Amino acid sequence: MKRLAIGLSDFKELIEKDFYYFDKTSFIDEVVKDGAKVKLFARPRRFGKTLNMSMLKYFFDITKADENRKLFKNLYIEKTESFKEQGQYPVIFLSLKDLKTTTWEEMEKDIKSTVASLFSEYKYLLNDLDKFDTVTFENIIMKNTNVEDLKEALKFLTKILYEKYNKKVVVLIDEYDAPLVSAYHNDYYDKAKDFFKTFYSTVLKDNVYLQMGVMTGIIRVIKAGIFSDLNNLSTYTILSDDYTDSYGLTEEEVIKSLKDYGMEYEISNVKDWYDGYKFGNSEVYNPWSILNFLRFKELRAYWVDTSGNDLINDVLKVTTKNVIIALEKLFNGEGLRQNISGTSDLSKILSADEIWELMLFSGYLTIEEKIDQDNYILRLPNKEVKTLFRKTFIETYIARGSKLSFLMESLRENRIEDYEENLQEVLLTSVSYNDTRRGNEAFYHGLIMGMGLYLEGEYITKSNIESGLGRYDFVIEPKNKSKRAYIMEFKSTDSVDKLEEVSKEALQQIENKKYDISLKQNGVKDITYMGIAFYGKQIKISYKSE
């Protein structure tokens, strides 16, 4: 059996060292036939973006055309008309995946280093440059230019490559959004946007030396903001009907790989764990997880354990009550109807206002159904992502090492005094003052929900559902109706002295509004009613059990 290339994104190394390869060279054929001058492919991380870009680099590159031609022997592209384009163009391949810094000053230094490193690959061009271009080239390599002057660096490189080969240039920019996401996280987004907007547009728009531009990223591009100057850009996202099989693995490819490694009997389990993504009209599997499963032969979360979960972590920290309710639906296997318009700029899509689009394009959600042009039903794609949500949500609200198991066991066994004591300890040891100030009921709601996920499998959690004469805050309903259910009503107070009084008011509300009707209709007989009052990090629970 061939070795598995986990984490290897260099196409040449993968082929020459005879690693197992899913033939994706039909992607090259589509790119060649696609008339768009500049293309952007938005896909989740670890779905093969960099490997596909590397493949394009070795295919088009004029400098080692004969050597690179051998890499494509017996692959799909070799049998197509598009193969005549092999080795025909100078290529610039720039990856921005490592441009992640905490300040704009650090980003400036890293931009200089990244561009200098790129230009170093073309030092052989110095022999053909005039005096003026030589000075410009050497200053870039020596990092003697300021960042503002680097805005046109890529266009300058296309010019001198064109003059060398008398051929237009293919420009490949991988992970265009990595520095922008970093800038957003660290509060210098506007400065980064101003630089990269020009950095991209000068090389990709109205550039007489450009044959074709290809960009990749995670987040969907929009007309305003970073790409407003690029009127020649075609965007292919997971919503598009083109290039649907170019990223991720089809079921046919997965079944073949399982057979090749003697594990075809696992297809059903593999489907539950790693399938579920819908790109256009194609259903695809997560390639990173499939490769790891083939290697380790164990069904577990692989993709979600890689770096890059910062986006989802940030989202969960700023949740509103409506977001928490929506997340509960997802956890319970329900679909979530959302408008996915793509009209926001990058800074807005990274905020809590539009997290569903962010989670969809990042691979944490998938499309269950398209309702109309902008409205979709979203859901969690598979067991692997559900595992991430459960783990991350709990850890967002409850620090590692907390007494979560004791807390939830006390609830399950209806020891409410112990539950109150353990919950109080969690608040005192694991929660920030900033989380609880200003009576943030949504935070408490998320906290209780996060802990409720610990009971997943035995219970279903529900928020703000109509029952009786109103809407309850939170219910933990057993799947086995002979077990006990819990109804919780949350209230915050502006005084520690009012905690007990307010908790009793919350308990009374449950009874007055008959929130237990739905549970009783579902056949649940044993119910505990809990009024929970919060003041900062302090709580009081009043309860009644039937």
Protein backbone atom coordinates (compact mmCIF):
# COMPACT_ATOMS: atom_id res chain seq x y z
CA MET A 1 0.00 0.00 0.00
CA LYS A 2 1.20 3.51 -0.81
CA ARG A 3 2.15 5.93 1.92
CA LEU A 4 -0.40 8.57 2.90
CA ALA A 5 0.64 12.20 2.43
CA ILE A 6 -0.92 13.80 5.50
CA GLY A 7 -0.10 17.49 5.64
CA LEU A 8 1.89 17.43 2.39
CA SER A 9 0.75 20.14 -0.01
CA ASP A 10 3.60 20.12 -2.56
CA PHE A 11 2.31 18.35 -5.68
CA LYS A 12 5.76 17.51 -7.03
CA GLU A 13 6.92 15.83 -3.83
CA LEU A 14 3.67 13.92 -3.53
CA ILE A 15 3.98 12.48 -7.06
CA GLU A 16 7.74 11.87 -7.12
CA LYS A 17 7.71 10.06 -3.78
CA ASP A 18 4.72 7.97 -4.91
CA PHE A 19 2.30 8.90 -2.14
CA TYR A 20 -1.35 7.92 -2.43
CA TYR A 21 -3.05 10.53 -4.63
CA PHE A 22 -6.68 11.32 -5.40
CA ASP A 23 -6.47 12.49 -9.02
CA LYS A 24 -7.76 16.07 -9.01
CA THR A 25 -6.11 17.14 -12.28
CA SER A 26 -9.54 17.63 -13.86
CA PHE A 27 -9.37 20.90 -11.89
CA ILE A 28 -6.61 22.07 -14.28
CA ASP A 29 -8.80 21.29 -17.28
CA GLU A 30 -11.65 23.35 -15.81
CA VAL A 31 -9.32 26.26 -15.00
CA VAL A 32 -7.94 26.29 -18.55
CA LYS A 33 -11.42 26.20 -20.10
CA ASP A 34 -12.79 28.81 -17.70
CA GLY A 35 -12.65 32.17 -19.46
CA ALA A 36 -12.47 34.22 -16.25
CA LYS A 37 -9.29 36.30 -16.05
CA VAL A 38 -9.15 36.16 -12.25
CA LYS A 39 -10.70 33.39 -10.16
CA LEU A 40 -11.17 33.03 -6.43
CA PHE A 41 -11.92 29.69 -4.78
CA ALA A 42 -13.38 29.83 -1.27
CA ARG A 43 -13.31 26.53 0.62
CA PRO A 44 -12.83 25.44 4.26
CA ARG A 45 -9.32 24.80 5.54
CA ARG A 46 -7.75 21.41 4.89
CA PHE A 47 -9.89 20.77 1.81
CA GLY A 48 -7.00 20.75 -0.67
CA LYS A 49 -6.68 24.41 -1.66
CA THR A 50 -2.89 24.64 -1.35
CA LEU A 51 -2.28 21.27 -3.04
CA ASN A 52 -4.41 22.35 -6.01
CA MET A 53 -2.48 25.64 -6.25
CA SER A 54 0.80 23.72 -6.16
CA MET A 55 -0.53 21.51 -8.93
CA LEU A 56 -1.32 24.58 -11.06
CA LYS A 57 2.18 25.95 -10.42
CA TYR A 58 3.92 22.82 -11.68
CA PHE A 59 1.54 22.51 -14.62
CA PHE A 60 1.90 26.02 -16.05
CA ASP A 61 5.51 26.81 -15.06
CA ILE A 62 7.69 27.51 -18.09
CA THR A 63 11.04 27.23 -16.29
CA LYS A 64 11.05 23.42 -15.86
CA ALA A 65 8.43 22.44 -18.39
CA ASP A 66 9.93 19.11 -19.52
CA GLU A 67 10.71 18.00 -15.98
CA ASN A 68 7.27 18.93 -14.72
CA ARG A 69 5.51 17.23 -17.62
CA LYS A 70 6.47 13.87 -16.11
CA LEU A 71 4.51 14.67 -12.95
CA PHE A 72 1.24 14.41 -14.86
CA LYS A 73 1.88 11.06 -16.52
CA ASN A 74 -1.18 8.79 -16.45
CA LEU A 75 -3.29 11.45 -14.75
CA TYR A 76 -6.58 12.79 -16.11
CA ILE A 77 -5.18 16.05 -17.46
CA GLU A 78 -2.69 14.25 -19.74
CA LYS A 79 -5.54 12.95 -21.89
CA THR A 80 -7.21 16.32 -22.42
CA GLU A 81 -6.87 19.08 -24.99
CA SER A 82 -5.87 21.42 -22.15
CA PHE A 83 -2.57 19.56 -21.70
CA LYS A 84 -1.09 21.67 -24.50
CA GLU A 85 -1.00 24.53 -21.96
CA GLN A 86 1.48 22.64 -19.81
CA GLY A 87 4.75 24.53 -19.30
CA GLN A 88 3.65 27.59 -21.27
CA TYR A 89 3.79 30.48 -18.75
CA PRO A 90 5.98 32.06 -16.09
CA VAL A 91 4.33 31.49 -12.70
CA ILE A 92 4.26 33.48 -9.46
CA PHE A 93 3.09 31.40 -6.48
CA LEU A 94 2.62 33.37 -3.27
CA SER A 95 1.27 31.87 -0.05
CA LEU A 96 0.03 34.22 2.66
CA LYS A 97 -0.89 31.53 5.18
CA ASP A 98 1.84 32.59 7.63
CA LEU A 99 0.94 36.30 7.64
CA LYS A 100 -0.64 36.28 11.10
CA THR A 101 0.52 38.90 13.58
CA THR A 102 -0.82 40.75 16.62
CA THR A 103 0.07 44.29 15.43
CA TRP A 104 0.24 46.19 12.14
CA GLU A 105 3.93 46.94 12.77
CA GLU A 106 4.64 43.21 12.96
CA MET A 107 2.53 42.65 9.86
CA GLU A 108 4.59 45.24 7.95
CA LYS A 109 7.78 43.35 8.81
CA ASP A 110 6.27 40.02 7.77
CA ILE A 111 4.98 41.46 4.49
CA LYS A 112 8.51 42.67 3.71
CA SER A 113 9.95 39.24 4.54
CA THR A 114 7.32 37.37 2.55
CA VAL A 115 7.77 39.50 -0.57
CA ALA A 116 11.57 39.40 -0.22
CA SER A 117 11.46 35.61 -0.02
CA LEU A 118 9.28 35.47 -3.13
CA PHE A 119 11.64 37.72 -5.11
CA SER A 120 14.63 35.63 -4.01
CA GLU A 121 13.23 32.76 -6.08
CA TYR A 122 13.72 34.93 -9.18
CA LYS A 123 17.25 36.23 -8.54
CA TYR A 124 18.31 34.80 -11.90
CA LEU A 125 16.33 37.64 -13.50
CA LEU A 126 18.89 40.20 -12.26
CA ASN A 127 21.16 39.36 -15.18
CA ASP A 128 18.56 40.70 -17.60
CA LEU A 129 17.41 43.83 -15.81
CA ASP A 130 18.31 47.42 -16.55
CA LYS A 131 19.87 49.59 -13.85
CA PHE A 132 16.60 51.05 -12.63
CA ASP A 133 14.80 47.70 -12.31
CA THR A 134 17.89 46.15 -10.70
CA VAL A 135 17.79 48.74 -7.90
CA THR A 136 14.08 48.12 -7.32
CA PHE A 137 14.57 44.34 -7.30
CA GLU A 138 17.55 44.42 -4.95
CA ASN A 139 15.84 46.82 -2.54
CA ILE A 140 12.91 44.42 -2.24
CA ILE A 141 15.16 41.44 -1.57
CA MET A 142 17.21 43.41 0.97
CA LYS A 143 13.99 44.70 2.62
CA ASN A 144 15.05 48.28 2.05
CA THR A 145 11.65 49.41 0.82
CA ASN A 146 8.77 50.59 2.97
CA VAL A 147 5.53 48.66 2.90
CA GLU A 148 3.70 51.30 0.86
CA ASP A 149 6.16 50.74 -2.00
CA LEU A 150 5.43 47.00 -1.94
CA LYS A 151 1.83 47.52 -3.00
CA GLU A 152 2.96 47.24 -6.63
CA ALA A 153 5.63 44.58 -6.06
CA LEU A 154 3.68 41.74 -7.68
CA LYS A 155 2.91 43.76 -10.79
CA PHE A 156 6.59 44.68 -11.05
CA LEU A 157 7.49 40.98 -10.90
CA THR A 158 5.00 40.14 -13.66
CA LYS A 159 6.56 42.88 -15.82
CA ILE A 160 10.10 41.57 -15.59
CA LEU A 161 8.98 37.95 -16.04
CA TYR A 162 7.08 38.96 -19.16
CA GLU A 163 10.13 40.77 -20.51
CA LYS A 164 12.28 37.68 -19.83
CA TYR A 165 10.02 35.06 -21.49
CA ASN A 166 7.79 37.19 -23.73
CA LYS A 167 4.90 35.32 -22.16
CA LYS A 168 2.16 36.58 -19.91
CA VAL A 169 2.29 35.46 -16.30
CA VAL A 170 0.07 33.17 -14.19
CA VAL A 171 -0.31 34.59 -10.66
CA LEU A 172 -1.34 32.24 -7.84
CA ILE A 173 -2.14 33.72 -4.41
CA ASP A 174 -2.91 31.14 -1.74
CA GLU A 175 -4.87 32.00 1.43
CA TYR A 176 -5.47 35.62 0.51
CA ASP A 177 -7.60 36.15 3.62
CA ALA A 178 -5.17 34.86 6.29
CA PRO A 179 -3.60 38.29 7.01
CA LEU A 180 -7.02 39.98 6.94
CA VAL A 181 -8.53 37.56 9.45
CA SER A 182 -5.48 38.08 11.67
CA ALA A 183 -5.89 41.84 11.35
CA TYR A 184 -9.54 41.61 12.33
CA HIS A 185 -8.72 39.53 15.41
CA ASN A 186 -6.08 42.02 16.49
CA ASP A 187 -7.87 45.30 15.72
CA TYR A 188 -5.91 46.67 12.79
CA TYR A 189 -8.23 45.54 10.00
CA ASP A 190 -8.55 48.93 8.27
CA LYS A 191 -4.79 49.28 7.83
CA ALA A 192 -4.48 45.76 6.50
CA LYS A 193 -7.44 46.23 4.15
CA ASP A 194 -5.97 49.42 2.71
CA PHE A 195 -2.67 47.66 1.93
CA PHE A 196 -3.99 44.39 0.53
CA LYS A 197 -6.72 46.02 -1.52
CA THR A 198 -4.02 47.75 -3.57
CA PHE A 199 -1.58 44.83 -3.34
CA TYR A 200 -4.12 42.54 -5.04
CA SER A 201 -5.75 44.97 -7.46
CA THR A 202 -2.53 46.31 -9.03
CA VAL A 203 -1.44 42.84 -10.14
CA LEU A 204 -4.87 41.41 -10.96
CA LYS A 205 -6.72 44.32 -12.58
CA ASP A 206 -5.82 45.90 -15.95
CA ASN A 207 -2.38 44.27 -15.85
CA VAL A 208 -1.14 43.79 -19.43
CA TYR A 209 1.38 41.22 -18.19
CA LEU A 210 -1.22 38.94 -16.58
CA GLN A 211 -2.32 35.72 -18.24
CA MET A 212 -4.51 34.55 -15.38
CA GLY A 213 -4.90 35.05 -11.63
CA VAL A 214 -6.05 32.39 -9.18
CA MET A 215 -6.69 33.06 -5.50
CA THR A 216 -7.83 30.85 -2.64
CA GLY A 217 -9.26 31.60 0.77
CA ILE A 218 -11.82 30.47 3.30
CA ILE A 219 -14.18 33.41 3.49
CA ARG A 220 -16.48 34.35 0.65
CA VAL A 221 -15.46 37.40 -1.34
CA ILE A 222 -17.90 40.26 -1.80
CA LYS A 223 -18.14 43.24 -4.14
CA ALA A 224 -17.53 45.90 -1.50
CA GLY A 225 -14.39 46.26 0.55
CA ILE A 226 -11.23 44.36 -0.31
CA PHE A 227 -12.15 43.47 -3.92
CA SER A 228 -14.18 46.49 -4.93
CA ASP A 229 -11.59 47.39 -7.60
CA LEU A 230 -11.60 43.92 -9.18
CA ASN A 231 -14.36 43.93 -11.77
CA ASN A 232 -12.83 40.95 -13.60
CA LEU A 233 -13.11 38.54 -10.67
CA SER A 234 -15.11 35.29 -10.77
CA THR A 235 -15.81 33.76 -7.37
CA TYR A 236 -16.43 30.07 -6.80
CA THR A 237 -17.71 29.24 -3.33
CA ILE A 238 -19.34 26.17 -1.85
CA LEU A 239 -22.63 27.59 -3.19
CA SER A 240 -21.41 27.59 -6.80
CA ASP A 241 -22.32 24.92 -9.34
CA ASP A 242 -18.81 24.93 -10.87
CA TYR A 243 -15.70 23.14 -9.57
CA THR A 244 -17.89 21.15 -7.16
CA ASP A 245 -15.62 18.06 -7.10
CA SER A 246 -12.30 19.93 -7.18
CA TYR A 247 -12.03 20.24 -3.40
CA GLY A 248 -12.93 17.55 -0.91
CA LEU A 249 -13.47 13.89 -1.82
CA THR A 250 -16.44 12.36 -3.60
CA GLU A 251 -18.06 9.21 -2.22
CA GLU A 252 -16.63 7.28 -5.17
CA GLU A 253 -13.10 8.42 -4.27
CA VAL A 254 -13.61 7.58 -0.60
CA ILE A 255 -14.97 4.08 -1.32
CA LYS A 256 -12.03 3.36 -3.61
CA SER A 257 -9.53 4.49 -0.98
CA LEU A 258 -11.21 2.36 1.70
CA LYS A 259 -10.99 -0.66 -0.63
CA ASP A 260 -7.34 0.10 -1.39
CA TYR A 261 -6.57 0.02 2.34
CA GLY A 262 -8.81 -2.96 3.13
CA MET A 263 -11.46 -1.04 5.06
CA GLU A 264 -14.46 -0.90 2.74
CA TYR A 265 -16.58 -2.35 5.57
CA GLU A 266 -16.26 1.02 7.36
CA ILE A 267 -18.02 3.10 4.69
CA SER A 268 -21.20 3.60 6.75
CA ASN A 269 -19.30 4.84 9.82
CA VAL A 270 -16.98 6.97 7.69
CA LYS A 271 -20.01 8.59 6.07
CA ASP A 272 -21.49 9.48 9.47
CA TRP A 273 -18.23 10.97 10.70
CA TYR A 274 -16.71 12.77 7.70
CA ASP A 275 -19.34 13.19 4.96
CA GLY A 276 -22.14 15.74 4.85
CA TYR A 277 -20.55 18.70 3.05
CA LYS A 278 -22.43 20.00 0.05
CA PHE A 279 -20.45 21.96 -2.54
CA GLY A 280 -22.87 23.05 -5.25
CA ASN A 281 -24.74 19.88 -6.17
CA SER A 282 -21.96 17.55 -5.02
CA GLU A 283 -21.77 15.79 -1.68
CA VAL A 284 -18.18 15.62 -0.48
CA TYR A 285 -16.13 14.22 2.38
CA ASN A 286 -13.47 15.99 4.42
CA PRO A 287 -10.14 14.89 2.82
CA TRP A 288 -7.97 15.64 5.87
CA SER A 289 -10.10 13.38 8.03
CA ILE A 290 -10.26 10.60 5.42
CA LEU A 291 -6.46 10.51 5.06
CA ASN A 292 -6.03 10.38 8.82
CA PHE A 293 -8.63 7.66 9.16
CA LEU A 294 -6.92 5.58 6.48
CA ARG A 295 -3.68 5.93 8.42
CA PHE A 296 -4.85 5.48 12.02
CA LYS A 297 -7.95 3.34 11.35
CA GLU A 298 -9.83 5.04 14.16
CA LEU A 299 -13.08 6.98 13.93
CA ARG A 300 -12.44 10.25 15.72
CA ALA A 301 -12.20 13.99 15.15
CA TYR A 302 -9.13 14.80 13.01
CA TRP A 303 -9.99 17.99 11.12
CA VAL A 304 -11.28 19.85 14.16
CA ASP A 305 -8.09 19.13 16.08
CA THR A 306 -5.96 21.06 13.59
CA SER A 307 -5.20 24.73 14.09
CA GLY A 308 -7.62 27.32 12.80
CA ASN A 309 -10.55 27.19 15.19
CA ASP A 310 -10.01 30.83 16.28
CA LEU A 311 -12.99 32.02 14.29
CA ILE A 312 -15.46 29.66 15.91
CA ASN A 313 -13.96 30.29 19.35
CA ASP A 314 -14.43 34.05 18.95
CA VAL A 315 -17.98 33.61 17.74
CA LEU A 316 -18.97 31.54 20.76
CA LYS A 317 -17.57 34.15 23.12
CA VAL A 318 -19.87 36.88 21.85
CA THR A 319 -23.07 34.92 21.48
CA THR A 320 -26.46 36.50 21.98
CA LYS A 321 -29.48 34.71 23.30
CA ASN A 322 -30.82 34.20 19.76
CA VAL A 323 -27.53 32.65 18.68
CA ILE A 324 -27.61 30.25 21.60
CA ILE A 325 -31.15 29.19 20.76
CA ALA A 326 -30.09 28.59 17.14
CA LEU A 327 -27.07 26.58 18.27
CA GLU A 328 -29.31 24.40 20.40
CA LYS A 329 -31.38 23.57 17.34
CA LEU A 330 -28.22 22.54 15.52
CA PHE A 331 -27.01 20.42 18.44
CA ASN A 332 -30.36 18.66 18.50
CA GLY A 333 -30.10 17.76 14.81
CA GLU A 334 -32.53 20.39 13.53
CA GLY A 335 -32.03 22.55 10.46
CA LEU A 336 -31.54 26.30 10.76
CA ARG A 337 -33.02 28.66 8.18
CA GLN A 338 -30.67 31.57 7.40
CA ASN A 339 -30.14 34.26 4.80
CA ILE A 340 -26.71 33.80 3.19
CA SER A 341 -26.35 36.85 0.98
CA GLY A 342 -22.63 37.54 0.84
CA THR A 343 -23.21 41.28 0.81
CA SER A 344 -21.19 42.09 3.93
CA ASP A 345 -17.55 43.07 3.88
CA LEU A 346 -14.96 40.90 5.56
CA SER A 347 -15.00 42.81 8.85
CA LYS A 348 -18.74 42.33 9.22
CA ILE A 349 -18.82 38.66 8.34
CA LEU A 350 -16.40 38.05 11.20
CA SER A 351 -18.79 39.60 13.72
CA ALA A 352 -21.57 37.95 15.68
CA ASP A 353 -24.17 39.55 13.38
CA GLU A 354 -23.45 37.21 10.50
CA ILE A 355 -21.82 34.18 12.07
CA TRP A 356 -23.88 31.68 10.10
CA GLU A 357 -22.26 32.70 6.82
CA LEU A 358 -18.86 32.54 8.50
CA MET A 359 -19.55 29.08 9.91
CA LEU A 360 -20.90 27.83 6.60
CA PHE A 361 -17.88 28.91 4.56
CA SER A 362 -15.49 27.77 7.28
CA GLY A 363 -16.86 24.22 7.17
CA TYR A 364 -18.64 24.13 10.53
CA LEU A 365 -22.07 24.06 8.91
CA THR A 366 -23.34 22.71 5.62
CA ILE A 367 -26.36 23.24 3.40
CA GLU A 368 -29.28 20.89 3.88
CA GLU A 369 -31.58 22.66 1.44
CA LYS A 370 -31.66 25.73 -0.77
CA ILE A 371 -34.99 27.51 -0.36
CA ASP A 372 -34.45 30.39 -2.78
CA GLN A 373 -31.68 32.67 -4.03
CA ASP A 374 -30.35 33.73 -0.62
CA ASN A 375 -32.16 31.51 1.90
CA TYR A 376 -30.86 28.14 3.00
CA ILE A 377 -31.48 25.48 5.63
CA LEU A 378 -28.17 24.86 7.42
CA ARG A 379 -27.15 21.96 9.66
CA LEU A 380 -24.12 20.40 11.30
CA PRO A 381 -22.46 18.25 8.61
CA ASN A 382 -21.33 15.21 10.58
CA LYS A 383 -20.26 13.67 13.90
CA GLU A 384 -16.78 15.17 13.69
CA VAL A 385 -18.02 18.76 13.61
CA LYS A 386 -20.65 18.05 16.25
CA THR A 387 -17.84 16.82 18.49
CA LEU A 388 -16.01 20.13 17.97
CA PHE A 389 -19.09 22.20 18.79
CA ARG A 390 -19.75 20.25 21.95
CA LYS A 391 -16.13 20.42 23.11
CA THR A 392 -15.60 24.08 22.18
CA PHE A 393 -18.89 25.28 23.59
CA ILE A 394 -18.25 23.63 26.93
CA GLU A 395 -14.67 24.91 27.08
CA THR A 396 -15.75 28.42 26.07
CA TYR A 397 -17.94 28.75 29.13
CA ILE A 398 -16.21 26.41 31.54
CA ALA A 399 -12.43 26.36 31.89
CA ARG A 400 -10.50 23.10 31.69
CA GLY A 401 -10.18 21.35 35.01
CA SER A 402 -13.54 22.51 36.34
CA LYS A 403 -15.82 20.11 38.19
CA LEU A 404 -18.13 19.70 35.23
CA SER A 405 -18.73 15.98 35.73
CA PHE A 406 -19.62 16.47 39.41
CA LEU A 407 -21.87 19.37 38.49
CA MET A 408 -23.84 17.46 35.89
CA GLU A 409 -24.03 14.27 37.94
CA SER A 410 -25.59 16.24 40.78
CA LEU A 411 -28.20 17.57 38.35
CA ARG A 412 -28.88 14.17 36.85
CA GLU A 413 -29.37 12.73 40.34
CA ASN A 414 -31.59 15.69 41.30
CA ARG A 415 -29.27 16.87 44.06
CA ILE A 416 -30.05 20.54 43.45
CA GLU A 417 -28.22 21.88 46.52
CA ASP A 418 -25.03 20.18 45.30
CA TYR A 419 -25.72 21.46 41.78
CA GLU A 420 -26.03 25.00 43.12
CA GLU A 421 -22.80 24.67 45.10
CA ASN A 422 -20.85 23.27 42.13
CA LEU A 423 -22.29 25.84 39.73
CA GLN A 424 -21.28 28.59 42.13
CA GLU A 425 -17.72 27.21 42.15
CA VAL A 426 -17.61 27.19 38.34
CA LEU A 427 -18.68 30.83 38.25
CA LEU A 428 -16.10 31.85 40.84
CA THR A 429 -13.16 29.95 39.31
CA SER A 430 -13.82 29.82 35.56
CA VAL A 431 -15.73 32.92 34.56
CA SER A 432 -14.47 36.43 33.89
CA TYR A 433 -16.04 39.53 35.43
CA ASN A 434 -16.43 40.87 31.87
CA ASP A 435 -18.68 37.90 31.05
CA THR A 436 -21.11 38.55 33.85
CA ARG A 437 -21.28 42.33 34.10
CA ARG A 438 -24.39 44.30 33.16
CA GLY A 439 -26.66 41.35 33.92
CA ASN A 440 -25.77 39.52 30.70
CA GLU A 441 -28.49 36.88 30.71
CA ALA A 442 -27.29 35.51 27.38
CA PHE A 443 -23.98 34.59 29.00
CA TYR A 444 -25.68 32.66 31.81
CA HIS A 445 -27.93 31.03 29.26
CA GLY A 446 -24.89 29.93 27.26
CA LEU A 447 -23.14 28.73 30.39
CA ILE A 448 -26.01 26.46 31.40
CA MET A 449 -26.40 25.26 27.83
CA GLY A 450 -22.72 24.46 27.53
CA MET A 451 -22.94 22.34 30.63
CA GLY A 452 -26.15 20.76 29.36
CA LEU A 453 -24.26 19.48 26.33
CA TYR A 454 -22.38 17.24 28.74
CA LEU A 455 -25.59 15.19 28.94
CA GLU A 456 -25.87 14.86 25.16
CA GLY A 457 -27.04 11.42 24.15
CA GLU A 458 -29.42 11.02 27.08
CA TYR A 459 -31.13 14.41 26.94
CA ILE A 460 -32.34 17.07 24.52
CA THR A 461 -31.84 20.73 25.44
CA LYS A 462 -34.33 23.37 24.34
CA SER A 463 -34.50 27.16 24.69
CA ASN A 464 -37.27 29.73 24.52
CA ILE A 465 -39.90 27.33 23.23
CA GLU A 466 -43.58 28.11 23.67
CA SER A 467 -45.22 25.98 26.33
CA GLY A 468 -48.30 26.67 28.41
CA LEU A 469 -48.85 30.41 28.68
CA GLY A 470 -45.41 31.61 27.61
CA ARG A 471 -41.85 30.68 26.65
CA TYR A 472 -39.55 28.92 29.08
CA ASP A 473 -35.85 29.82 29.21
CA PHE A 474 -34.31 26.36 29.21
CA VAL A 475 -35.41 22.72 29.37
CA ILE A 476 -33.40 19.53 29.65
CA GLU A 477 -35.73 16.76 28.43
CA PRO A 478 -34.80 13.07 28.78
CA LYS A 479 -35.01 10.85 25.72
CA ASN A 480 -36.07 8.06 28.06
CA LYS A 481 -39.37 9.46 29.37
CA SER A 482 -39.06 7.53 32.63
CA LYS A 483 -36.14 9.78 33.61
CA ARG A 484 -36.37 13.25 35.15
CA ALA A 485 -36.67 16.50 33.20
CA TYR A 486 -35.53 19.96 34.30
CA ILE A 487 -37.16 23.33 33.58
CA MET A 488 -34.98 26.39 34.25
CA GLU A 489 -35.93 30.05 34.32
CA PHE A 490 -33.08 32.60 34.51
CA LYS A 491 -33.29 36.06 36.02
CA SER A 492 -30.53 38.54 36.73
CA THR A 493 -30.74 41.06 39.55
CA ASP A 494 -28.97 44.31 40.34
CA SER A 495 -28.37 43.44 44.00
CA VAL A 496 -26.90 40.45 45.80
CA ASP A 497 -29.53 40.95 48.51
CA LYS A 498 -32.31 40.20 46.03
CA LEU A 499 -30.92 36.86 44.82
CA GLU A 500 -33.23 34.62 46.83
CA GLU A 501 -36.28 36.77 46.18
CA VAL A 502 -35.64 36.85 42.43
CA SER A 503 -34.96 33.09 42.25
CA LYS A 504 -38.35 32.46 43.90
CA GLU A 505 -39.98 34.80 41.38
CA ALA A 506 -38.40 32.78 38.57
CA LEU A 507 -39.66 29.53 40.10
CA GLN A 508 -43.14 30.97 40.49
CA GLN A 509 -43.13 32.06 36.85
CA ILE A 510 -42.56 28.46 35.76
CA GLU A 511 -45.62 27.36 37.70
CA ASN A 512 -47.84 30.32 36.82
CA LYS A 513 -47.16 30.03 33.10
CA LYS A 514 -47.47 26.22 33.11
CA TYR A 515 -44.19 25.64 31.30
CA ASP A 516 -44.43 21.92 32.15
CA ILE A 517 -47.36 21.20 29.84
CA SER A 518 -45.22 20.20 26.84
CA LEU A 519 -43.10 17.84 28.92
CA LYS A 520 -46.18 16.17 30.40
CA GLN A 521 -47.72 15.83 26.94
CA ASN A 522 -44.50 14.10 25.86
CA GLY A 523 -44.95 11.53 28.62
CA VAL A 524 -42.45 12.91 31.16
CA LYS A 525 -43.75 12.53 34.72
CA ASP A 526 -40.77 13.45 36.91
CA ILE A 527 -39.94 17.15 36.60
CA THR A 528 -37.75 19.53 38.60
CA TYR A 529 -38.58 23.24 38.40
CA MET A 530 -35.62 25.58 38.93
CA GLY A 531 -35.61 29.36 39.31
CA ILE A 532 -32.00 30.57 38.94
CA ALA A 533 -31.07 34.12 39.89
CA PHE A 534 -27.71 35.66 38.94
CA TYR A 535 -25.82 38.63 40.27
CA GLY A 536 -22.36 38.82 38.74
CA LYS A 537 -20.61 35.62 39.79
CA GLN A 538 -23.12 34.84 42.51
CA ILE A 539 -26.24 32.70 42.13
CA LYS A 540 -29.23 31.39 44.01
CA ILE A 541 -31.48 28.50 42.99
CA SER A 542 -35.00 27.96 44.23
CA TYR A 543 -36.53 24.66 43.13
CA LYS A 544 -39.39 22.23 43.37
CA SER A 545 -39.48 18.56 42.33
CA GLU A 546 -42.44 16.43 41.32
